[in-house]
C-alpha atoms as a PDB file:
ATOM      1  CA  MET A   1       0.000   0.000   0.000  1.00  0.00           C
ATOM      2  CA  GLY A   2       2.727   2.412  -0.978  1.00  0.00           C
ATOM      3  CA  GLN A   3       0.524   5.053  -2.629  1.00  0.00           C
ATOM      4  CA  THR A   4      -1.416   7.741  -0.818  1.00  0.00           C
ATOM      5  CA  THR A   5      -5.054   6.832  -0.454  1.00  0.00           C
ATOM      6  CA  GLU A   6      -7.991   9.063   0.364  1.00  0.00           C
ATOM      7  CA  ARG A   7      -9.233   8.485   3.900  1.00  0.00           C
ATOM      8  CA  VAL A   8     -12.527   6.585   4.145  1.00  0.00           C
ATOM      9  CA  TYR A   9     -14.790   7.145   7.150  1.00  0.00           C
ATOM     10  CA  PHE A  10     -17.720   5.201   8.566  1.00  0.00           C
ATOM     11  CA  HIS A  11     -19.772   5.807  11.690  1.00  0.00           C
ATOM     12  CA  TYR A  12     -18.671   3.370  14.410  1.00  0.00           C
ATOM     13  CA  ASN A  13     -22.070   1.682  14.314  1.00  0.00           C
ATOM     14  CA  GLN A  14     -21.388   0.697  10.688  1.00  0.00           C
ATOM     15  CA  LEU A  15     -18.065  -0.979  11.492  1.00  0.00           C
ATOM     16  CA  GLU A  16     -18.017  -4.773  11.588  1.00  0.00           C
ATOM     17  CA  GLU A  17     -15.399  -4.683  14.362  1.00  0.00           C
ATOM     18  CA  TYR A  18     -17.851  -2.879  16.660  1.00  0.00           C
ATOM     19  CA  HIS A  19     -20.554  -5.507  16.169  1.00  0.00           C
ATOM     20  CA  ALA A  20     -18.035  -8.351  16.552  1.00  0.00           C
ATOM     21  CA  GLY A  21     -17.081  -7.069  20.000  1.00  0.00           C
ATOM     22  CA  MET A  22     -13.540  -5.961  19.254  1.00  0.00           C
ATOM     23  CA  TRP A  23     -13.967  -2.997  21.623  1.00  0.00           C
ATOM     24  CA  ARG A  24     -15.911  -4.704  24.404  1.00  0.00           C
ATOM     25  CA  ILE A  25     -14.527  -4.598  27.938  1.00  0.00           C
ATOM     26  CA  VAL A  26     -13.727  -7.969  29.516  1.00  0.00           C
ATOM     27  CA  ARG A  27     -12.553  -8.294  33.100  1.00  0.00           C
ATOM     28  CA  GLY A  28     -11.534 -11.053  35.492  1.00  0.00           C
ATOM     29  CA  GLU A  29     -10.395 -14.524  34.487  1.00  0.00           C
ATOM     30  CA  LEU A  30     -11.858 -14.250  30.998  1.00  0.00           C
ATOM     31  CA  ARG A  31      -9.567 -11.283  30.310  1.00  0.00           C
ATOM     32  CA  MET A  32      -6.411 -13.350  30.831  1.00  0.00           C
ATOM     33  CA  ASP A  33      -7.958 -16.356  29.079  1.00  0.00           C
ATOM     34  CA  ASN A  34      -8.522 -14.142  26.012  1.00  0.00           C
ATOM     35  CA  ALA A  35      -4.967 -12.795  26.299  1.00  0.00           C
ATOM     36  CA  ARG A  36      -3.497 -16.317  26.348  1.00  0.00           C
ATOM     37  CA  LYS A  37      -5.657 -17.382  23.383  1.00  0.00           C
ATOM     38  CA  ALA A  38      -4.598 -14.289  21.436  1.00  0.00           C
ATOM     39  CA  ALA A  39      -0.923 -14.947  22.236  1.00  0.00           C
ATOM     40  CA  ASP A  40      -1.262 -18.569  21.120  1.00  0.00           C
ATOM     41  CA  LEU A  41      -2.889 -17.443  17.867  1.00  0.00           C
ATOM     42  CA  MET A  42      -0.160 -14.872  17.203  1.00  0.00           C
ATOM     43  CA  ARG A  43       2.496 -17.558  17.784  1.00  0.00           C
ATOM     44  CA  ASP A  44       0.947 -19.761  15.057  1.00  0.00           C
ATOM     45  CA  SER A  45       1.828 -17.947  11.832  1.00  0.00           C
ATOM     46  CA  GLN A  46      -0.529 -19.928   9.606  1.00  0.00           C
ATOM     47  CA  ARG A  47      -3.560 -19.584  11.890  1.00  0.00           C
ATOM     48  CA  PHE A  48      -2.767 -15.910  12.529  1.00  0.00           C
ATOM     49  CA  MET A  49      -2.474 -15.213   8.804  1.00  0.00           C
ATOM     50  CA  ALA A  50      -5.781 -16.991   8.151  1.00  0.00           C
ATOM     51  CA  ALA A  51      -7.535 -14.981  10.880  1.00  0.00           C
ATOM     52  CA  MET A  52      -6.243 -11.653   9.563  1.00  0.00           C
ATOM     53  CA  THR A  53      -7.099 -12.631   5.993  1.00  0.00           C
ATOM     54  CA  ARG A  54     -10.588 -13.450   7.235  1.00  0.00           C
ATOM     55  CA  ALA A  55     -10.816  -9.902   8.633  1.00  0.00           C
ATOM     56  CA  LEU A  56      -9.942  -8.495   5.200  1.00  0.00           C
ATOM     57  CA  ALA A  57     -12.691 -10.598   3.626  1.00  0.00           C
ATOM     58  CA  GLU A  58     -15.421 -10.218   6.256  1.00  0.00           C
ATOM     59  CA  TRP A  59     -14.909  -6.648   7.503  1.00  0.00           C
ATOM     60  CA  PRO A  60     -14.786  -4.410   4.388  1.00  0.00           C
ATOM     61  CA  ARG A  61     -15.997  -1.255   6.177  1.00  0.00           C
ATOM     62  CA  SER A  62     -13.658  -1.702   9.124  1.00  0.00           C
ATOM     63  CA  CYS A  63     -10.730  -2.316   6.768  1.00  0.00           C
ATOM     64  CA  LEU A  64     -11.453   0.761   4.685  1.00  0.00           C
ATOM     65  CA  HIS A  65     -11.984   2.889   7.798  1.00  0.00           C
ATOM     66  CA  ASN A  66      -8.802   1.773   9.577  1.00  0.00           C
ATOM     67  CA  LEU A  67      -6.398   0.898   6.777  1.00  0.00           C
ATOM     68  CA  THR A  68      -6.841   4.233   4.970  1.00  0.00           C
ATOM     69  CA  ALA A  69      -6.123   6.251   8.146  1.00  0.00           C
ATOM     70  CA  ASP A  70      -2.660   7.742   8.509  1.00  0.00           C
ATOM     71  CA  GLY A  71      -2.827   7.738  12.310  1.00  0.00           C
ATOM     72  CA  VAL A  72      -3.680   4.057  12.728  1.00  0.00           C
ATOM     73  CA  ASN A  73      -1.031   1.428  13.470  1.00  0.00           C
ATOM     74  CA  LYS A  74      -2.211  -0.820  10.647  1.00  0.00           C
ATOM     75  CA  LEU A  75      -0.266  -3.910  11.720  1.00  0.00           C
ATOM     76  CA  ALA A  76      -1.658  -3.649  15.246  1.00  0.00           C
ATOM     77  CA  TRP A  77      -5.211  -3.071  14.013  1.00  0.00           C
ATOM     78  CA  LEU A  78      -4.996  -6.026  11.653  1.00  0.00           C
ATOM     79  CA  GLY A  79      -3.624  -8.231  14.441  1.00  0.00           C
ATOM     80  CA  HIS A  80      -6.407  -7.110  16.789  1.00  0.00           C
ATOM     81  CA  ALA A  81      -9.000  -7.832  14.095  1.00  0.00           C
ATOM     82  CA  GLY A  82      -7.516 -11.285  13.472  1.00  0.00           C
ATOM     83  CA  CYS A  83      -7.512 -12.125  17.175  1.00  0.00           C
ATOM     84  CA  CYS A  84     -11.091 -10.915  17.559  1.00  0.00           C
ATOM     85  CA  LEU A  85     -12.284 -13.091  14.685  1.00  0.00           C
ATOM     86  CA  GLY A  86      -9.908 -15.973  15.315  1.00  0.00           C
ATOM     87  CA  VAL A  87     -10.299 -16.504  19.061  1.00  0.00           C
ATOM     88  CA  GLY A  88     -12.849 -13.917  20.222  1.00  0.00           C
ATOM     89  CA  SER A  89     -10.315 -11.724  22.006  1.00  0.00           C
ATOM     90  CA  PRO A  90     -11.208  -8.020  22.199  1.00  0.00           C
ATOM     91  CA  GLU A  91      -8.571  -5.409  21.426  1.00  0.00           C
ATOM     92  CA  GLU A  92      -7.485  -4.657  24.998  1.00  0.00           C
ATOM     93  CA  ASN A  93      -7.115  -8.352  25.850  1.00  0.00           C
ATOM     94  CA  THR A  94      -5.106  -8.878  22.661  1.00  0.00           C
ATOM     95  CA  ARG A  95      -2.704  -6.103  23.720  1.00  0.00           C
ATOM     96  CA  ILE A  96      -2.073  -8.038  26.932  1.00  0.00           C
ATOM     97  CA  GLY A  97      -1.503 -11.159  24.837  1.00  0.00           C
ATOM     98  CA  TRP A  98       1.044  -9.274  22.723  1.00  0.00           C
ATOM     99  CA  HIS A  99       3.138  -8.708  25.832  1.00  0.00           C
ATOM    100  CA  LEU A 100       3.125 -12.448  26.529  1.00  0.00           C
ATOM    101  CA  LEU A 101       5.151 -12.942  23.321  1.00  0.00           C
ATOM    102  CA  ASN A 102       8.927 -12.760  23.287  1.00  0.00           C
ATOM    103  CA  GLN A 103      10.716 -10.481  20.810  1.00  0.00           C
ATOM    104  CA  ALA A 104      11.191 -13.194  18.168  1.00  0.00           C
ATOM    105  CA  GLU A 105       7.487 -14.081  18.362  1.00  0.00           C
ATOM    106  CA  GLN A 106       6.505 -10.414  18.068  1.00  0.00           C
ATOM    107  CA  ASP A 107       8.791  -9.984  15.064  1.00  0.00           C
ATOM    108  CA  GLU A 108       7.252 -13.027  13.344  1.00  0.00           C
ATOM    109  CA  ALA A 109       3.704 -11.845  14.104  1.00  0.00           C
ATOM    110  CA  ASN A 110       4.567  -8.440  12.620  1.00  0.00           C
ATOM    111  CA  ARG A 111       6.083 -10.103   9.541  1.00  0.00           C
ATOM    112  CA  VAL A 112       2.901 -12.108   8.985  1.00  0.00           C
ATOM    113  CA  ALA A 113       0.687  -9.056   9.560  1.00  0.00           C
ATOM    114  CA  GLN A 114       2.743  -7.062   7.045  1.00  0.00           C
ATOM    115  CA  ALA A 115       2.327  -9.823   4.456  1.00  0.00           C
ATOM    116  CA  VAL A 116      -1.450  -9.776   4.955  1.00  0.00           C
ATOM    117  CA  LEU A 117      -1.550  -5.972   4.857  1.00  0.00           C
ATOM    118  CA  ASP A 118       0.470  -6.003   1.622  1.00  0.00           C
ATOM    119  CA  SER A 119      -2.237  -8.210   0.055  1.00  0.00           C
ATOM    120  CA  TRP A 120      -4.983  -5.635   0.740  1.00  0.00           C
ATOM    121  CA  SER A 121      -5.823  -2.542  -1.243  1.00  0.00           C
ATOM    122  CA  PRO A 122      -8.509   0.103  -0.737  1.00  0.00           C
ATOM    123  CA  LYS A 123      -9.818  -0.701  -4.205  1.00  0.00           C
ATOM    124  CA  PHE A 124     -10.469  -4.289  -3.051  1.00  0.00           C
ATOM    125  CA  GLY A 125     -12.357  -3.007  -0.003  1.00  0.00           C
ATOM    126  CA  ALA A 126     -14.519  -0.714  -2.136  1.00  0.00           C
ATOM    127  CA  VAL A 127     -15.331  -3.578  -4.516  1.00  0.00           C
ATOM    128  CA  GLN A 128     -16.377  -5.722  -1.555  1.00  0.00           C
ATOM    129  CA  LEU A 129     -18.749  -3.007  -0.363  1.00  0.00           C
ATOM    130  CA  ASP A 130     -20.324  -2.823  -3.822  1.00  0.00           C
ATOM    131  CA  MET A 131     -20.617  -6.618  -4.078  1.00  0.00           C
ATOM    132  CA  PHE A 132     -22.313  -7.005  -0.710  1.00  0.00           C
ATOM    133  CA  GLN A 133     -24.253  -3.734  -1.004  1.00  0.00           C
ATOM    134  CA  CYS A 134     -22.990  -2.695   2.388  1.00  0.00           C
END
């Protein structure tokens, strides 16, 4: 995604991530259970890639909204989306899971996220919206 892309906005209530619970607050034992599940997913490159690729396919609005924004850490957002879809971990719990990884595991997770991000383009997201009449 080397070229400059016009920013695309959606109201939060239109974002698939909102309805999937990516921003829900989880406390107690379930919080750490989600963190461990997210860490395990991020350690498994193939499963992590599949989960993030699923986010690209199933969340066209969220992808356009977040991946066209200059101020968004796109690798982090994509990882959070993959963990939400892949193991049901909300964003905050996934951040805890990230800190359960060692540096080599974080580097590999970032490498995989970059590969998935490189496969996406805003044009693809716009086509998806047209196809599904979102």
